[in-house]
Amino acid sequence: MGVRGVGATRAQAFEQAALALTAVVADLQTIDPRQPIEVECQAPDDELLLADWLNSLIFEMSTRKMLFSRFSVRLDGRRLHARAWGERVDPARHHPAVEIKGATYTALRVAEENGEWVAQTVVDV
């Protein structure tokens, strides 16, 4: 399943990619941004940073049994500092469709196109 984020900045594209990731699992409108968590990661380039960011979110979703519907990303070079807000999964309300296993390097790309940033990859479900 492909996920893509588009934004005016790299950080916004990473935030939008995270929303696309969550949308693979559940309807974003059903997820209340109640509880914040912090995520930090770093990588040698933008593409690997995107994969690490999404894999960190997948880890948090799995271990905390949470879904996230709001993200705030700050990029400092190749270091990412973020906050994700969400809530524990309620199967009756969220109706999770799939469990994401991980972000892959397939179609992995972070680039500026026509004045907008695009961050995309394929995730295994």
Protein backbone atom coordinates (compact mmCIF):
# COMPACT_ATOMS: atom_id res chain seq x y z
CA MET A 1 0.00 0.00 0.00
CA GLY A 2 1.48 3.36 -0.98
CA VAL A 3 1.48 6.38 1.33
CA ARG A 4 2.23 9.92 0.24
CA GLY A 5 2.43 13.24 2.01
CA VAL A 6 2.52 16.61 0.28
CA GLY A 7 3.25 19.93 1.98
CA ALA A 8 4.75 23.38 1.65
CA THR A 9 7.76 22.18 3.70
CA ARG A 10 9.57 18.89 4.24
CA ALA A 11 8.14 18.76 7.77
CA GLN A 12 4.59 19.19 6.49
CA ALA A 13 5.12 16.44 3.91
CA PHE A 14 6.34 14.13 6.71
CA GLU A 15 3.24 15.02 8.78
CA GLN A 16 0.97 14.29 5.83
CA ALA A 17 2.74 10.97 5.16
CA ALA A 18 2.05 10.01 8.79
CA LEU A 19 -1.65 10.87 8.31
CA ALA A 20 -1.69 8.71 5.16
CA LEU A 21 -0.09 5.89 7.16
CA THR A 22 -2.84 6.04 9.79
CA ALA A 23 -5.53 6.28 7.11
CA VAL A 24 -4.43 2.86 5.84
CA VAL A 25 -5.52 1.43 9.20
CA ALA A 26 -8.61 3.45 10.15
CA ASP A 27 -10.78 6.45 9.33
CA LEU A 28 -8.92 9.49 10.68
CA GLN A 29 -12.22 11.13 11.69
CA THR A 30 -12.79 8.41 14.31
CA ILE A 31 -9.46 8.97 16.10
CA ASP A 32 -9.39 11.55 18.90
CA PRO A 33 -6.01 13.27 19.41
CA ARG A 34 -6.13 12.84 23.21
CA GLN A 35 -2.71 11.57 24.25
CA PRO A 36 0.63 12.92 22.94
CA ILE A 37 3.78 10.88 22.48
CA GLU A 38 7.25 12.05 21.47
CA VAL A 39 9.22 10.55 18.59
CA GLU A 40 12.82 11.28 17.63
CA CYS A 41 14.91 9.75 14.91
CA GLN A 42 17.79 10.54 12.61
CA ALA A 43 19.16 9.17 9.35
CA PRO A 44 21.84 10.00 6.78
CA ASP A 45 19.34 11.26 4.15
CA ASP A 46 15.73 12.40 3.75
CA GLU A 47 14.47 9.11 2.32
CA LEU A 48 15.86 7.00 5.15
CA LEU A 49 14.59 9.58 7.64
CA LEU A 50 11.06 9.20 6.23
CA ALA A 51 11.26 5.40 6.50
CA ASP A 52 12.59 5.66 10.06
CA TRP A 53 9.83 8.15 11.02
CA LEU A 54 7.06 5.94 9.66
CA ASN A 55 8.59 2.80 11.19
CA SER A 56 8.81 4.60 14.55
CA LEU A 57 5.11 5.40 14.31
CA ILE A 58 4.30 1.80 13.37
CA PHE A 59 6.27 0.65 16.43
CA GLU A 60 4.40 3.08 18.68
CA MET A 61 1.04 2.03 17.20
CA SER A 62 1.85 -1.62 17.83
CA THR A 63 3.39 -1.42 21.30
CA ARG A 64 1.05 1.20 22.74
CA LYS A 65 -2.04 -0.17 20.93
CA MET A 66 -2.75 3.37 19.69
CA LEU A 67 -3.81 5.17 16.54
CA PHE A 68 -2.72 8.74 15.82
CA SER A 69 -4.61 11.51 14.03
CA ARG A 70 -2.45 14.60 14.56
CA PHE A 71 1.27 15.15 14.03
CA SER A 72 3.76 17.95 14.54
CA VAL A 73 7.17 17.44 12.95
CA ARG A 74 10.28 19.56 13.31
CA LEU A 75 13.28 18.76 11.13
CA ASP A 76 16.79 19.83 12.07
CA GLY A 77 18.98 18.68 9.21
CA ARG A 78 18.74 14.89 9.24
CA ARG A 79 17.21 14.76 12.74
CA LEU A 80 13.46 14.58 13.30
CA HIS A 81 11.66 15.67 16.46
CA ALA A 82 7.93 15.01 16.49
CA ARG A 83 4.84 14.74 18.58
CA ALA A 84 1.93 12.49 17.65
CA TRP A 85 -1.48 12.69 19.28
CA GLY A 86 -3.90 9.82 19.39
CA GLU A 87 -5.76 7.32 21.51
CA ARG A 88 -5.92 3.63 22.31
CA VAL A 89 -7.49 1.48 19.64
CA ASP A 90 -11.19 0.82 20.18
CA PRO A 91 -12.06 -1.90 17.64
CA ALA A 92 -15.79 -1.16 17.87
CA ARG A 93 -15.24 2.51 17.00
CA HIS A 94 -12.09 2.51 14.85
CA HIS A 95 -12.72 -0.69 12.83
CA PRO A 96 -9.00 -1.22 12.08
CA ALA A 97 -8.72 -2.61 8.55
CA VAL A 98 -5.13 -3.90 8.61
CA GLU A 99 -2.01 -3.99 10.73
CA ILE A 100 0.97 -2.29 9.09
CA LYS A 101 4.17 -4.30 9.40
CA GLY A 102 6.61 -1.66 8.20
CA ALA A 103 7.63 1.06 5.79
CA THR A 104 9.70 -0.28 2.90
CA TYR A 105 12.25 1.26 0.57
CA THR A 106 9.94 0.61 -2.39
CA ALA A 107 9.11 3.91 -4.13
CA LEU A 108 10.81 5.69 -1.20
CA ARG A 109 11.19 9.32 -2.16
CA VAL A 110 11.42 12.77 -0.57
CA ALA A 111 11.70 15.61 -3.05
CA GLU A 112 10.60 19.14 -3.84
CA GLU A 113 8.35 19.30 -6.91
CA ASN A 114 6.79 22.43 -8.32
CA GLY A 115 7.20 24.32 -5.04
CA GLU A 116 5.78 21.51 -2.85
CA TRP A 117 7.48 18.75 -0.91
CA VAL A 118 6.51 15.12 -1.52
CA ALA A 119 7.30 12.30 0.92
CA GLN A 120 6.25 8.81 -0.14
CA THR A 121 6.87 5.10 0.25
CA VAL A 122 5.14 1.73 0.25
CA VAL A 123 4.17 0.02 3.51
CA ASP A 124 3.75 -3.70 4.10
CA VAL A 125 0.40 -4.72 5.55
